[in-house]
All heavy atoms as atom14 arrays in JSON, in Angstrom:
{
  "sequence": "ISAILGELGIEGIEIENHVPLTEQETGSMFIDFPLELPPDDGT",
  "atom14_mask": [
    [1, 1, 1, 1, 1, 1, 1, 1, 0, 0, 0, 0, 0, 0],
    [1, 1, 1, 1, 1, 1, 0, 0, 0, 0, 0, 0, 0, 0],
    [1, 1, 1, 1, 1, 0, 0, 0, 0, 0, 0, 0, 0, 0],
    [1, 1, 1, 1, 1, 1, 1, 1, 0, 0, 0, 0, 0, 0],
    [1, 1, 1, 1, 1, 1, 1, 1, 0, 0, 0, 0, 0, 0],
    [1, 1, 1, 1, 0, 0, 0, 0, 0, 0, 0, 0, 0, 0],
    [1, 1, 1, 1, 1, 1, 1, 1, 1, 0, 0, 0, 0, 0],
    [1, 1, 1, 1, 1, 1, 1, 1, 0, 0, 0, 0, 0, 0],
    [1, 1, 1, 1, 0, 0, 0, 0, 0, 0, 0, 0, 0, 0],
    [1, 1, 1, 1, 1, 1, 1, 1, 0, 0, 0, 0, 0, 0],
    [1, 1, 1, 1, 1, 1, 1, 1, 1, 0, 0, 0, 0, 0],
    [1, 1, 1, 1, 0, 0, 0, 0, 0, 0, 0, 0, 0, 0],
    [1, 1, 1, 1, 1, 1, 1, 1, 0, 0, 0, 0, 0, 0],
    [1, 1, 1, 1, 1, 1, 1, 1, 1, 0, 0, 0, 0, 0],
    [1, 1, 1, 1, 1, 1, 1, 1, 0, 0, 0, 0, 0, 0],
    [1, 1, 1, 1, 1, 1, 1, 1, 1, 0, 0, 0, 0, 0],
    [1, 1, 1, 1, 1, 1, 1, 1, 0, 0, 0, 0, 0, 0],
    [1, 1, 1, 1, 1, 1, 1, 1, 1, 1, 0, 0, 0, 0],
    [1, 1, 1, 1, 1, 1, 1, 0, 0, 0, 0, 0, 0, 0],
    [1, 1, 1, 1, 1, 1, 1, 0, 0, 0, 0, 0, 0, 0],
    [1, 1, 1, 1, 1, 1, 1, 1, 0, 0, 0, 0, 0, 0],
    [1, 1, 1, 1, 1, 1, 1, 0, 0, 0, 0, 0, 0, 0],
    [1, 1, 1, 1, 1, 1, 1, 1, 1, 0, 0, 0, 0, 0],
    [1, 1, 1, 1, 1, 1, 1, 1, 1, 0, 0, 0, 0, 0],
    [1, 1, 1, 1, 1, 1, 1, 1, 1, 0, 0, 0, 0, 0],
    [1, 1, 1, 1, 1, 1, 1, 0, 0, 0, 0, 0, 0, 0],
    [1, 1, 1, 1, 0, 0, 0, 0, 0, 0, 0, 0, 0, 0],
    [1, 1, 1, 1, 1, 1, 0, 0, 0, 0, 0, 0, 0, 0],
    [1, 1, 1, 1, 1, 1, 1, 1, 0, 0, 0, 0, 0, 0],
    [1, 1, 1, 1, 1, 1, 1, 1, 1, 1, 1, 0, 0, 0],
    [1, 1, 1, 1, 1, 1, 1, 1, 0, 0, 0, 0, 0, 0],
    [1, 1, 1, 1, 1, 1, 1, 1, 0, 0, 0, 0, 0, 0],
    [1, 1, 1, 1, 1, 1, 1, 1, 1, 1, 1, 0, 0, 0],
    [1, 1, 1, 1, 1, 1, 1, 0, 0, 0, 0, 0, 0, 0],
    [1, 1, 1, 1, 1, 1, 1, 1, 0, 0, 0, 0, 0, 0],
    [1, 1, 1, 1, 1, 1, 1, 1, 1, 0, 0, 0, 0, 0],
    [1, 1, 1, 1, 1, 1, 1, 1, 0, 0, 0, 0, 0, 0],
    [1, 1, 1, 1, 1, 1, 1, 0, 0, 0, 0, 0, 0, 0],
    [1, 1, 1, 1, 1, 1, 1, 0, 0, 0, 0, 0, 0, 0],
    [1, 1, 1, 1, 1, 1, 1, 1, 0, 0, 0, 0, 0, 0],
    [1, 1, 1, 1, 1, 1, 1, 1, 0, 0, 0, 0, 0, 0],
    [1, 1, 1, 1, 0, 0, 0, 0, 0, 0, 0, 0, 0, 0],
    [1, 1, 1, 1, 1, 1, 1, 0, 0, 0, 0, 0, 0, 0]
  ],
  "atom14_positions": [
    [[8.3, 1.77, 4.11], [7.54, 1.49, 5.34], [6.28, 2.33, 5.39], [5.21, 1.85, 5.8], [8.44, 1.73, 6.55], [9.52, 0.64, 6.61], [7.61, 1.72, 7.85], [10.52, 0.81, 7.74], [0.0, 0.0, 0.0], [0.0, 0.0, 0.0], [0.0, 0.0, 0.0], [0.0, 0.0, 0.0], [0.0, 0.0, 0.0], [0.0, 0.0, 0.0]],
    [[6.36, 3.58, 4.98], [5.16, 4.43, 4.94], [4.12, 3.82, 4.02], [2.92, 3.85, 4.34], [5.54, 5.84, 4.49], [6.43, 6.45, 5.39], [0.0, 0.0, 0.0], [0.0, 0.0, 0.0], [0.0, 0.0, 0.0], [0.0, 0.0, 0.0], [0.0, 0.0, 0.0], [0.0, 0.0, 0.0], [0.0, 0.0, 0.0], [0.0, 0.0, 0.0]],
    [[4.58, 3.33, 2.86], [3.63, 2.72, 1.94], [3.0, 1.46, 2.53], [1.8, 1.19, 2.36], [4.34, 2.39, 0.63], [0.0, 0.0, 0.0], [0.0, 0.0, 0.0], [0.0, 0.0, 0.0], [0.0, 0.0, 0.0], [0.0, 0.0, 0.0], [0.0, 0.0, 0.0], [0.0, 0.0, 0.0], [0.0, 0.0, 0.0], [0.0, 0.0, 0.0]],
    [[3.81, 0.65, 3.24], [3.29, -0.56, 3.9], [2.21, -0.19, 4.9], [1.13, -0.81, 4.96], [4.44, -1.32, 4.58], [5.34, -1.97, 3.55], [3.87, -2.38, 5.55], [6.61, -2.57, 4.13], [0.0, 0.0, 0.0], [0.0, 0.0, 0.0], [0.0, 0.0, 0.0], [0.0, 0.0, 0.0], [0.0, 0.0, 0.0], [0.0, 0.0, 0.0]],
    [[2.48, 0.82, 5.71], [1.5, 1.26, 6.71], [0.22, 1.74, 6.04], [-0.89, 1.45, 6.5], [2.08, 2.36, 7.58], [3.3, 1.98, 8.47], [3.85, 3.2, 9.18], [2.88, 0.91, 9.49], [0.0, 0.0, 0.0], [0.0, 0.0, 0.0], [0.0, 0.0, 0.0], [0.0, 0.0, 0.0], [0.0, 0.0, 0.0], [0.0, 0.0, 0.0]],
    [[0.39, 2.46, 4.93], [-0.79, 2.92, 4.19], [-1.63, 1.78, 3.66], [-2.85, 1.82, 3.72], [0.0, 0.0, 0.0], [0.0, 0.0, 0.0], [0.0, 0.0, 0.0], [0.0, 0.0, 0.0], [0.0, 0.0, 0.0], [0.0, 0.0, 0.0], [0.0, 0.0, 0.0], [0.0, 0.0, 0.0], [0.0, 0.0, 0.0], [0.0, 0.0, 0.0]],
    [[-0.95, 0.74, 3.18], [-1.67, -0.42, 2.65], [-2.42, -1.17, 3.76], [-3.43, -1.82, 3.5], [-0.69, -1.36, 1.97], [-0.14, -0.82, 0.65], [0.93, -1.69, 0.05], [1.24, -2.72, 0.67], [1.44, -1.37, -1.04], [0.0, 0.0, 0.0], [0.0, 0.0, 0.0], [0.0, 0.0, 0.0], [0.0, 0.0, 0.0], [0.0, 0.0, 0.0]],
    [[-1.9, -1.03, 5.0], [-2.57, -1.67, 6.13], [-3.69, -0.79, 6.71], [-4.29, -1.14, 7.72], [-1.55, -1.98, 7.23], [-0.52, -3.06, 6.87], [0.54, -3.17, 7.97], [-1.2, -4.4, 6.64], [0.0, 0.0, 0.0], [0.0, 0.0, 0.0], [0.0, 0.0, 0.0], [0.0, 0.0, 0.0], [0.0, 0.0, 0.0], [0.0, 0.0, 0.0]],
    [[-3.95, 0.34, 6.03], [-5.04, 1.22, 6.47], [-4.67, 2.22, 7.55], [-5.54, 2.84, 8.15], [0.0, 0.0, 0.0], [0.0, 0.0, 0.0], [0.0, 0.0, 0.0], [0.0, 0.0, 0.0], [0.0, 0.0, 0.0], [0.0, 0.0, 0.0], [0.0, 0.0, 0.0], [0.0, 0.0, 0.0], [0.0, 0.0, 0.0], [0.0, 0.0, 0.0]],
    [[-3.37, 2.37, 7.78], [-2.91, 3.31, 8.8], [-2.67, 4.68, 8.16], [-1.92, 4.8, 7.18], [-1.6, 2.82, 9.47], [-1.89, 1.5, 10.2], [-1.04, 3.86, 10.42], [-0.64, 0.83, 10.74], [0.0, 0.0, 0.0], [0.0, 0.0, 0.0], [0.0, 0.0, 0.0], [0.0, 0.0, 0.0], [0.0, 0.0, 0.0], [0.0, 0.0, 0.0]],
    [[-3.31, 5.71, 8.69], [-3.16, 7.05, 8.17], [-2.42, 7.92, 9.2], [-2.16, 7.51, 10.3], [-4.53, 7.65, 7.86], [-5.32, 6.84, 6.83], [-6.7, 7.38, 6.58], [-7.14, 8.27, 7.37], [-7.34, 6.96, 5.61], [0.0, 0.0, 0.0], [0.0, 0.0, 0.0], [0.0, 0.0, 0.0], [0.0, 0.0, 0.0], [0.0, 0.0, 0.0]],
    [[-2.12, 9.15, 8.81], [-1.45, 10.07, 9.74], [-0.04, 9.65, 10.08], [0.36, 9.62, 11.23], [0.0, 0.0, 0.0], [0.0, 0.0, 0.0], [0.0, 0.0, 0.0], [0.0, 0.0, 0.0], [0.0, 0.0, 0.0], [0.0, 0.0, 0.0], [0.0, 0.0, 0.0], [0.0, 0.0, 0.0], [0.0, 0.0, 0.0], [0.0, 0.0, 0.0]],
    [[0.75, 9.33, 9.05], [2.15, 8.87, 9.26], [3.07, 10.07, 9.39], [2.96, 11.05, 8.64], [2.57, 7.95, 8.11], [1.65, 6.73, 8.05], [4.02, 7.55, 8.21], [1.74, 5.96, 6.75], [0.0, 0.0, 0.0], [0.0, 0.0, 0.0], [0.0, 0.0, 0.0], [0.0, 0.0, 0.0], [0.0, 0.0, 0.0], [0.0, 0.0, 0.0]],
    [[4.01, 9.97, 10.3], [4.97, 11.05, 10.57], [6.4, 10.52, 10.39], [6.71, 9.44, 10.9], [4.76, 11.58, 11.98], [5.74, 12.62, 12.44], [5.48, 13.0, 13.9], [4.62, 13.84, 14.15], [6.14, 12.41, 14.79], [0.0, 0.0, 0.0], [0.0, 0.0, 0.0], [0.0, 0.0, 0.0], [0.0, 0.0, 0.0], [0.0, 0.0, 0.0]],
    [[7.24, 11.25, 9.67], [8.62, 10.82, 9.42], [9.57, 11.85, 10.02], [9.42, 13.06, 9.8], [8.9, 10.66, 7.91], [8.02, 9.55, 7.33], [10.37, 10.37, 7.66], [8.16, 9.4, 5.82], [0.0, 0.0, 0.0], [0.0, 0.0, 0.0], [0.0, 0.0, 0.0], [0.0, 0.0, 0.0], [0.0, 0.0, 0.0], [0.0, 0.0, 0.0]],
    [[10.56, 11.37, 10.77], [11.6, 12.22, 11.31], [12.96, 11.68, 10.89], [13.26, 10.51, 11.1], [11.54, 12.24, 12.86], [10.23, 12.74, 13.43], [10.19, 12.55, 14.93], [10.87, 13.32, 15.65], [9.51, 11.62, 15.39], [0.0, 0.0, 0.0], [0.0, 0.0, 0.0], [0.0, 0.0, 0.0], [0.0, 0.0, 0.0], [0.0, 0.0, 0.0]],
    [[13.74, 12.55, 10.25], [15.12, 12.16, 9.88], [16.02, 13.39, 9.89], [15.57, 14.5, 10.23], [15.13, 11.47, 8.51], [14.59, 12.36, 7.41], [14.8, 13.57, 7.4], [13.87, 11.75, 6.46], [0.0, 0.0, 0.0], [0.0, 0.0, 0.0], [0.0, 0.0, 0.0], [0.0, 0.0, 0.0], [0.0, 0.0, 0.0], [0.0, 0.0, 0.0]],
    [[17.27, 13.22, 9.54], [18.23, 14.32, 9.55], [18.67, 14.7, 8.14], [19.72, 15.31, 7.98], [19.45, 13.96, 10.39], [19.12, 13.64, 11.81], [19.88, 12.81, 12.6], [18.08, 14.04, 12.59], [19.33, 12.72, 13.8], [18.25, 13.45, 13.81], [0.0, 0.0, 0.0], [0.0, 0.0, 0.0], [0.0, 0.0, 0.0], [0.0, 0.0, 0.0]],
    [[17.87, 14.35, 7.14], [18.23, 14.67, 5.77], [18.11, 16.18, 5.56], [17.08, 16.77, 5.87], [17.3, 13.94, 4.77], [17.63, 14.34, 3.35], [17.43, 12.43, 4.96], [0.0, 0.0, 0.0], [0.0, 0.0, 0.0], [0.0, 0.0, 0.0], [0.0, 0.0, 0.0], [0.0, 0.0, 0.0], [0.0, 0.0, 0.0], [0.0, 0.0, 0.0]],
    [[19.17, 16.84, 5.04], [19.1, 18.3, 4.83], [17.98, 18.67, 3.9], [17.66, 17.95, 2.94], [20.47, 18.63, 4.23], [21.36, 17.49, 4.63], [20.47, 16.27, 4.68], [0.0, 0.0, 0.0], [0.0, 0.0, 0.0], [0.0, 0.0, 0.0], [0.0, 0.0, 0.0], [0.0, 0.0, 0.0], [0.0, 0.0, 0.0], [0.0, 0.0, 0.0]],
    [[17.34, 19.83, 4.17], [16.28, 20.31, 3.31], [16.84, 20.82, 1.99], [17.91, 21.41, 1.92], [15.52, 21.45, 4.0], [14.82, 21.09, 5.32], [14.26, 22.35, 5.95], [13.72, 20.07, 5.1], [0.0, 0.0, 0.0], [0.0, 0.0, 0.0], [0.0, 0.0, 0.0], [0.0, 0.0, 0.0], [0.0, 0.0, 0.0], [0.0, 0.0, 0.0]],
    [[16.08, 20.59, 0.92], [16.45, 21.16, -0.38], [16.09, 22.65, -0.41], [15.34, 23.14, 0.44], [15.71, 20.44, -1.5], [14.29, 20.7, -1.38], [15.96, 18.94, -1.47], [0.0, 0.0, 0.0], [0.0, 0.0, 0.0], [0.0, 0.0, 0.0], [0.0, 0.0, 0.0], [0.0, 0.0, 0.0], [0.0, 0.0, 0.0], [0.0, 0.0, 0.0]],
    [[16.61, 23.36, -1.41], [16.28, 24.76, -1.54], [14.78, 24.94, -1.76], [14.16, 25.87, -1.26], [17.04, 25.39, -2.72], [18.53, 25.54, -2.46], [19.23, 26.28, -3.58], [18.52, 26.83, -4.44], [20.46, 26.32, -3.59], [0.0, 0.0, 0.0], [0.0, 0.0, 0.0], [0.0, 0.0, 0.0], [0.0, 0.0, 0.0], [0.0, 0.0, 0.0]],
    [[14.16, 24.05, -2.53], [12.71, 24.15, -2.78], [11.94, 23.94, -1.48], [10.97, 24.63, -1.22], [12.3, 23.08, -3.82], [10.81, 23.15, -4.15], [10.45, 22.12, -5.24], [11.28, 21.37, -5.68], [9.19, 22.11, -5.62], [0.0, 0.0, 0.0], [0.0, 0.0, 0.0], [0.0, 0.0, 0.0], [0.0, 0.0, 0.0], [0.0, 0.0, 0.0]],
    [[12.34, 22.96, -0.67], [11.64, 22.72, 0.58], [11.79, 23.9, 1.53], [10.84, 24.32, 2.17], [12.19, 21.44, 1.24], [11.78, 20.17, 0.51], [12.58, 18.96, 0.99], [13.68, 19.12, 1.51], [12.05, 17.83, 0.83], [0.0, 0.0, 0.0], [0.0, 0.0, 0.0], [0.0, 0.0, 0.0], [0.0, 0.0, 0.0], [0.0, 0.0, 0.0]],
    [[13.01, 24.44, 1.62], [13.22, 25.59, 2.49], [12.43, 26.79, 2.0], [11.84, 27.53, 2.79], [14.72, 25.95, 2.52], [15.47, 24.82, 2.97], [14.98, 27.12, 3.48], [0.0, 0.0, 0.0], [0.0, 0.0, 0.0], [0.0, 0.0, 0.0], [0.0, 0.0, 0.0], [0.0, 0.0, 0.0], [0.0, 0.0, 0.0], [0.0, 0.0, 0.0]],
    [[12.34, 26.96, 0.68], [11.62, 28.09, 0.11], [10.14, 28.04, 0.36], [9.46, 29.07, 0.37], [0.0, 0.0, 0.0], [0.0, 0.0, 0.0], [0.0, 0.0, 0.0], [0.0, 0.0, 0.0], [0.0, 0.0, 0.0], [0.0, 0.0, 0.0], [0.0, 0.0, 0.0], [0.0, 0.0, 0.0], [0.0, 0.0, 0.0], [0.0, 0.0, 0.0]],
    [[9.59, 26.84, 0.56], [8.15, 26.73, 0.79], [7.76, 26.84, 2.26], [6.6, 26.81, 2.61], [7.64, 25.36, 0.27], [8.17, 24.3, 1.05], [0.0, 0.0, 0.0], [0.0, 0.0, 0.0], [0.0, 0.0, 0.0], [0.0, 0.0, 0.0], [0.0, 0.0, 0.0], [0.0, 0.0, 0.0], [0.0, 0.0, 0.0], [0.0, 0.0, 0.0]],
    [[8.79, 27.0, 3.14], [8.53, 27.13, 4.56], [8.51, 28.6, 4.96], [9.05, 29.45, 4.28], [9.61, 26.41, 5.38], [9.7, 24.91, 5.09], [11.09, 24.13, 5.94], [10.56, 24.26, 7.64], [0.0, 0.0, 0.0], [0.0, 0.0, 0.0], [0.0, 0.0, 0.0], [0.0, 0.0, 0.0], [0.0, 0.0, 0.0], [0.0, 0.0, 0.0]],
    [[7.84, 28.88, 6.08], [7.74, 30.26, 6.55], [8.91, 30.63, 7.43], [8.79, 31.01, 8.58], [6.42, 30.46, 7.31], [5.23, 30.27, 6.43], [4.36, 29.22, 6.68], [4.97, 31.13, 5.39], [3.25, 29.04, 5.87], [3.85, 30.95, 4.6], [3.0, 29.89, 4.83], [0.0, 0.0, 0.0], [0.0, 0.0, 0.0], [0.0, 0.0, 0.0]],
    [[10.11, 30.45, 6.88], [11.33, 30.82, 7.58], [12.25, 31.48, 6.59], [12.09, 31.36, 5.37], [12.05, 29.61, 8.21], [12.36, 28.57, 7.12], [11.22, 28.99, 9.32], [13.21, 27.41, 7.62], [0.0, 0.0, 0.0], [0.0, 0.0, 0.0], [0.0, 0.0, 0.0], [0.0, 0.0, 0.0], [0.0, 0.0, 0.0], [0.0, 0.0, 0.0]],
    [[13.26, 32.2, 7.06], [14.17, 32.86, 6.16], [15.6, 32.41, 6.4], [16.54, 33.06, 6.01], [14.08, 34.37, 6.29], [14.53, 35.06, 4.99], [14.69, 34.35, 3.99], [14.73, 36.27, 5.02], [0.0, 0.0, 0.0], [0.0, 0.0, 0.0], [0.0, 0.0, 0.0], [0.0, 0.0, 0.0], [0.0, 0.0, 0.0], [0.0, 0.0, 0.0]],
    [[15.76, 31.3, 7.1], [17.08, 30.76, 7.37], [16.94, 29.25, 7.54], [15.9, 28.79, 7.98], [17.7, 31.37, 8.62], [16.73, 31.51, 9.77], [16.52, 30.47, 10.65], [16.05, 32.69, 9.93], [15.62, 30.61, 11.69], [15.14, 32.84, 10.97], [14.92, 31.78, 11.86], [0.0, 0.0, 0.0], [0.0, 0.0, 0.0], [0.0, 0.0, 0.0]],
    [[17.92, 28.48, 7.13], [17.79, 27.02, 7.17], [17.73, 26.49, 8.6], [18.34, 27.04, 9.51], [19.06, 26.52, 6.46], [20.02, 27.64, 6.61], [19.21, 28.91, 6.6], [0.0, 0.0, 0.0], [0.0, 0.0, 0.0], [0.0, 0.0, 0.0], [0.0, 0.0, 0.0], [0.0, 0.0, 0.0], [0.0, 0.0, 0.0], [0.0, 0.0, 0.0]],
    [[16.99, 25.4, 8.77], [16.95, 24.75, 10.08], [18.29, 24.08, 10.35], [18.93, 23.52, 9.47], [15.83, 23.71, 10.09], [14.42, 24.21, 9.9], [13.46, 23.03, 9.85], [14.0, 25.16, 11.01], [0.0, 0.0, 0.0], [0.0, 0.0, 0.0], [0.0, 0.0, 0.0], [0.0, 0.0, 0.0], [0.0, 0.0, 0.0], [0.0, 0.0, 0.0]],
    [[18.71, 24.13, 11.62], [19.94, 23.46, 12.03], [19.62, 22.02, 12.4], [18.95, 21.76, 13.39], [20.57, 24.2, 13.2], [21.1, 25.58, 12.88], [22.29, 25.55, 11.93], [23.0, 24.53, 11.96], [22.5, 26.53, 11.2], [0.0, 0.0, 0.0], [0.0, 0.0, 0.0], [0.0, 0.0, 0.0], [0.0, 0.0, 0.0], [0.0, 0.0, 0.0]],
    [[20.07, 21.09, 11.61], [19.82, 19.67, 11.85], [21.11, 18.96, 12.22], [22.19, 19.34, 11.78], [19.21, 19.02, 10.61], [17.85, 19.49, 10.15], [17.49, 18.83, 8.82], [16.78, 19.21, 11.19], [0.0, 0.0, 0.0], [0.0, 0.0, 0.0], [0.0, 0.0, 0.0], [0.0, 0.0, 0.0], [0.0, 0.0, 0.0], [0.0, 0.0, 0.0]],
    [[21.0, 17.88, 13.02], [22.19, 17.08, 13.27], [22.68, 16.45, 11.98], [21.96, 16.4, 10.99], [21.68, 16.0, 14.25], [20.4, 16.54, 14.8], [19.82, 17.39, 13.73], [0.0, 0.0, 0.0], [0.0, 0.0, 0.0], [0.0, 0.0, 0.0], [0.0, 0.0, 0.0], [0.0, 0.0, 0.0], [0.0, 0.0, 0.0], [0.0, 0.0, 0.0]],
    [[23.94, 15.96, 11.93], [24.43, 15.32, 10.73], [23.53, 14.14, 10.32], [23.0, 13.41, 11.17], [25.83, 14.82, 11.14], [26.21, 15.7, 12.3], [24.94, 16.01, 13.0], [0.0, 0.0, 0.0], [0.0, 0.0, 0.0], [0.0, 0.0, 0.0], [0.0, 0.0, 0.0], [0.0, 0.0, 0.0], [0.0, 0.0, 0.0], [0.0, 0.0, 0.0]],
    [[23.37, 13.97, 9.04], [22.53, 12.9, 8.51], [23.27, 11.56, 8.72], [24.3, 11.3, 8.1], [22.26, 13.12, 7.04], [21.39, 12.02, 6.44], [20.79, 11.25, 7.21], [21.32, 11.94, 5.2], [0.0, 0.0, 0.0], [0.0, 0.0, 0.0], [0.0, 0.0, 0.0], [0.0, 0.0, 0.0], [0.0, 0.0, 0.0], [0.0, 0.0, 0.0]],
    [[22.75, 10.74, 9.6], [23.38, 9.44, 9.91], [22.66, 8.28, 9.25], [22.95, 7.12, 9.54], [23.47, 9.22, 11.41], [22.11, 9.27, 12.09], [21.08, 9.44, 11.38], [22.05, 9.15, 13.34], [0.0, 0.0, 0.0], [0.0, 0.0, 0.0], [0.0, 0.0, 0.0], [0.0, 0.0, 0.0], [0.0, 0.0, 0.0], [0.0, 0.0, 0.0]],
    [[21.68, 8.6, 8.38], [20.96, 7.54, 7.69], [19.84, 6.91, 8.44], [19.14, 6.04, 7.93], [0.0, 0.0, 0.0], [0.0, 0.0, 0.0], [0.0, 0.0, 0.0], [0.0, 0.0, 0.0], [0.0, 0.0, 0.0], [0.0, 0.0, 0.0], [0.0, 0.0, 0.0], [0.0, 0.0, 0.0], [0.0, 0.0, 0.0], [0.0, 0.0, 0.0]],
    [[19.59, 7.37, 9.69], [18.51, 6.8, 10.49], [17.22, 7.62, 10.29], [17.26, 8.79, 9.9], [18.87, 6.78, 11.98], [19.02, 8.13, 12.44], [20.13, 5.99, 12.21], [0.0, 0.0, 0.0], [0.0, 0.0, 0.0], [0.0, 0.0, 0.0], [0.0, 0.0, 0.0], [0.0, 0.0, 0.0], [0.0, 0.0, 0.0], [0.0, 0.0, 0.0]]
  ]
}
């Protein structure tokens, strides 16, 4: 869907989900503890 929006000329796309962060993603953030997210329900 993000790609479709990009093809339509829409920029500034924001994605929100409950997928747990990887170690690499957590390591690149300015935090020292993982974010508490709701269970990943696929939405």
